Amino acid sequence: MEKFPPDIELDEFLLTAIKPHHASAMFELRTNEAAMKFINKAKPVSIDEVMAMIRGMQQEFHMNRTKAWGIIHKPDGRLIGTIGYYRMLPEHFRGEIGYMLHPDFWGKGIMRKLIDVVIKHGFEEMGLHSIEARINPANDNSRKILERSGFVREGYFKESFFFDGQFLDTEIFGLLKKTKDGN
């Protein structure tokens, strides 16, 4: 059994397991107003809270419920985001992809490139048949990334999510593994 998700090496980026030494960079990312605008989760208030989140992700990996990576910008060694499968249903060969990127790196096509790598890993290495993505409908950039990667909108749920004292809508996208005959 793997202790952590395997590293995925790219030219300028390394996808690697999120470990305790990433806690301060994760804290910076998860408390950044712009980065968290559409995440709809409470921002951590301490490094200890982030450490607990990292331990939780490691436990979820060992239970085959998540497979997430930190995005390391190789030129400076900085953790600039996260990407992975955060809700996996192995019995259904399905996983929900999620991602976030530090605003300093927005608009450069990075996430578009990385999501395709993680999709390929999901289908070819993890044996997924379908991948789901749930977004805040106001997040136009995330929708564009998903659509460019072949996802199709499968649903829109009104006021399906309660966060920060309000009910929010959820837009759901899906991507099926293509078979050898292209279907």
Protein backbone atom coordinates (compact mmCIF):
# COMPACT_ATOMS: atom_id res chain seq x y z
CA MET A 1 0.00 0.00 0.00
CA GLU A 2 1.26 3.45 -0.89
CA LYS A 3 2.06 5.71 2.05
CA PHE A 4 1.30 8.82 -0.02
CA PRO A 5 0.03 9.55 -3.53
CA PRO A 6 2.86 9.15 -6.04
CA ASP A 7 4.65 12.28 -7.17
CA ILE A 8 3.83 13.50 -10.68
CA GLU A 9 6.73 15.39 -12.24
CA LEU A 10 6.16 18.06 -14.88
CA ASP A 11 8.52 20.60 -16.43
CA GLU A 12 7.80 23.50 -14.10
CA PHE A 13 5.65 21.79 -11.47
CA LEU A 14 5.71 18.87 -9.10
CA LEU A 15 2.53 17.32 -7.80
CA THR A 16 3.40 15.81 -4.44
CA ALA A 17 1.66 14.63 -1.29
CA ILE A 18 0.77 17.46 1.07
CA LYS A 19 2.89 16.94 4.19
CA PRO A 20 3.33 18.76 7.51
CA HIS A 21 6.22 20.87 6.20
CA HIS A 22 3.72 22.45 3.75
CA ALA A 23 1.54 23.75 6.61
CA SER A 24 2.60 27.41 6.49
CA ALA A 25 2.19 27.58 2.68
CA MET A 26 -1.21 25.86 3.01
CA PHE A 27 -2.19 28.35 5.71
CA GLU A 28 -1.22 31.23 3.41
CA LEU A 29 -3.22 29.71 0.53
CA ARG A 30 -6.30 28.81 2.61
CA THR A 31 -6.46 32.29 4.18
CA ASN A 32 -6.03 34.20 0.90
CA GLU A 33 -9.31 36.03 0.24
CA ALA A 34 -9.12 35.75 -3.55
CA ALA A 35 -8.08 32.07 -3.53
CA MET A 36 -10.92 31.18 -1.14
CA LYS A 37 -13.60 33.31 -2.82
CA PHE A 38 -15.41 30.32 -4.36
CA ILE A 39 -14.19 27.52 -2.09
CA ASN A 40 -17.02 28.01 0.43
CA LYS A 41 -15.17 26.52 3.38
CA ALA A 42 -14.11 28.21 6.58
CA LYS A 43 -10.63 29.68 6.50
CA PRO A 44 -8.23 28.19 9.05
CA VAL A 45 -7.37 30.36 12.02
CA SER A 46 -4.07 28.70 12.92
CA ILE A 47 -1.23 26.54 11.63
CA ASP A 48 -2.45 23.84 14.06
CA GLU A 49 -5.76 23.77 12.22
CA VAL A 50 -3.94 23.32 8.91
CA MET A 51 -1.81 20.55 10.43
CA ALA A 52 -5.01 18.76 11.47
CA MET A 53 -6.34 19.19 7.92
CA ILE A 54 -3.15 17.67 6.48
CA ARG A 55 -3.33 14.72 8.91
CA GLY A 56 -6.96 14.25 7.91
CA MET A 57 -6.04 14.20 4.22
CA GLN A 58 -3.38 11.57 4.93
CA GLN A 59 -5.91 9.42 6.82
CA GLU A 60 -8.45 9.81 4.02
CA PHE A 61 -5.79 8.68 1.53
CA HIS A 62 -5.15 5.51 3.54
CA MET A 63 -8.91 4.80 3.55
CA ASN A 64 -9.01 5.31 -0.24
CA ARG A 65 -11.34 8.31 0.10
CA THR A 66 -9.01 11.00 -1.22
CA LYS A 67 -5.93 11.36 -3.37
CA ALA A 68 -4.65 14.91 -3.30
CA TRP A 69 -1.44 16.65 -4.22
CA GLY A 70 0.20 19.93 -3.43
CA ILE A 71 1.26 21.89 -6.51
CA ILE A 72 4.91 22.85 -6.15
CA HIS A 73 6.33 25.55 -8.41
CA LYS A 74 9.74 24.00 -9.07
CA PRO A 75 11.70 27.21 -9.84
CA ASP A 76 11.16 28.49 -6.27
CA GLY A 77 10.01 25.34 -4.43
CA ARG A 78 6.82 27.10 -3.33
CA LEU A 79 3.51 25.28 -2.74
CA ILE A 80 1.12 27.32 -4.91
CA GLY A 81 -2.02 25.21 -4.85
CA THR A 82 -3.70 21.86 -4.45
CA ILE A 83 -5.37 19.43 -6.81
CA GLY A 84 -6.78 15.97 -6.47
CA TYR A 85 -9.70 13.70 -5.81
CA TYR A 86 -11.41 14.70 -2.59
CA ARG A 87 -14.45 12.45 -2.55
CA MET A 88 -13.76 9.08 -4.01
CA LEU A 89 -16.27 6.29 -4.44
CA PRO A 90 -13.99 3.36 -5.41
CA GLU A 91 -16.91 0.94 -5.48
CA HIS A 92 -18.42 3.06 -8.27
CA PHE A 93 -15.08 3.89 -9.99
CA ARG A 94 -15.88 7.57 -9.42
CA GLY A 95 -14.00 10.49 -7.92
CA GLU A 96 -14.69 14.16 -7.37
CA ILE A 97 -11.90 16.44 -8.51
CA GLY A 98 -11.10 19.69 -6.74
CA TYR A 99 -8.38 22.28 -7.10
CA MET A 100 -7.21 25.70 -6.04
CA LEU A 101 -4.33 27.90 -7.09
CA HIS A 102 -2.68 30.92 -5.50
CA PRO A 103 -3.85 34.10 -7.30
CA ASP A 104 -0.24 35.00 -8.18
CA PHE A 105 -0.43 32.15 -10.70
CA TRP A 106 -3.90 32.74 -12.17
CA GLY A 107 -4.40 33.42 -15.87
CA LYS A 108 -1.32 31.48 -17.03
CA GLY A 109 -2.97 28.22 -18.12
CA ILE A 110 -1.43 26.32 -15.21
CA MET A 111 -4.58 24.73 -13.84
CA ARG A 112 -5.77 23.79 -17.31
CA LYS A 113 -2.53 21.84 -17.82
CA LEU A 114 -2.53 20.27 -14.36
CA ILE A 115 -6.16 19.19 -14.40
CA ASP A 116 -5.55 17.23 -17.60
CA VAL A 117 -2.61 15.43 -15.95
CA VAL A 118 -4.72 14.56 -12.90
CA ILE A 119 -7.64 13.42 -15.10
CA LYS A 120 -5.30 11.14 -17.03
CA HIS A 121 -3.93 9.76 -13.75
CA GLY A 122 -7.47 9.16 -12.50
CA PHE A 123 -8.52 7.21 -15.57
CA GLU A 124 -5.27 5.36 -16.31
CA GLU A 125 -3.69 4.78 -12.89
CA MET A 126 -6.66 4.81 -10.50
CA GLY A 127 -9.13 3.02 -12.76
CA LEU A 128 -11.83 5.68 -12.51
CA HIS A 129 -14.73 5.53 -14.94
CA SER A 130 -16.17 8.95 -14.15
CA ILE A 131 -14.98 12.18 -12.60
CA GLU A 132 -17.22 14.75 -11.02
CA ALA A 133 -16.58 18.41 -10.26
CA ARG A 134 -18.76 20.67 -8.11
CA ILE A 135 -18.34 24.41 -8.35
CA ASN A 136 -19.90 27.61 -7.13
CA PRO A 137 -21.90 28.79 -10.19
CA ALA A 138 -20.33 32.25 -9.90
CA ASN A 139 -16.88 30.78 -10.56
CA ASP A 140 -16.68 31.35 -14.32
CA ASN A 141 -12.95 30.57 -14.51
CA SER A 142 -13.39 27.14 -12.97
CA ARG A 143 -16.28 26.39 -15.33
CA LYS A 144 -14.11 27.32 -18.32
CA ILE A 145 -11.27 25.07 -17.12
CA LEU A 146 -13.65 22.14 -16.72
CA GLU A 147 -15.34 22.66 -20.09
CA ARG A 148 -11.99 22.95 -21.88
CA SER A 149 -11.01 19.62 -20.29
CA GLY A 150 -14.11 17.91 -21.67
CA PHE A 151 -16.43 18.09 -18.66
CA VAL A 152 -20.13 18.61 -19.32
CA ARG A 153 -22.65 20.21 -17.01
CA GLU A 154 -24.78 17.48 -15.46
CA GLY A 155 -26.78 19.43 -12.94
CA TYR A 156 -27.56 22.61 -11.10
CA PHE A 157 -28.83 22.42 -7.54
CA LYS A 158 -30.54 25.47 -6.06
CA GLU A 159 -29.60 26.35 -2.49
CA SER A 160 -28.07 22.91 -1.92
CA PHE A 161 -25.17 24.06 0.24
CA PHE A 162 -25.21 26.08 3.46
CA PHE A 163 -22.14 28.18 4.20
CA ASP A 164 -21.47 31.34 6.14
CA GLY A 165 -25.13 31.92 7.00
CA GLN A 166 -26.54 31.51 3.51
CA PHE A 167 -27.78 28.86 1.13
CA LEU A 168 -25.69 28.55 -2.02
CA ASP A 169 -26.24 26.90 -5.38
CA THR A 170 -24.02 24.13 -6.74
CA GLU A 171 -23.17 23.42 -10.37
CA ILE A 172 -22.08 19.85 -11.14
CA PHE A 173 -19.92 18.72 -14.05
CA GLY A 174 -18.96 15.22 -15.14
CA LEU A 175 -16.43 13.52 -17.36
CA LEU A 176 -16.59 9.89 -18.48
CA LYS A 177 -13.63 7.76 -19.44
CA LYS A 178 -13.50 7.28 -23.17
CA THR A 179 -13.43 3.69 -24.37
CA LYS A 180 -11.24 2.39 -27.17
CA ASP A 181 -14.01 3.05 -29.69
CA GLY A 182 -14.12 6.71 -28.60
CA ASN A 183 -17.39 6.57 -26.65
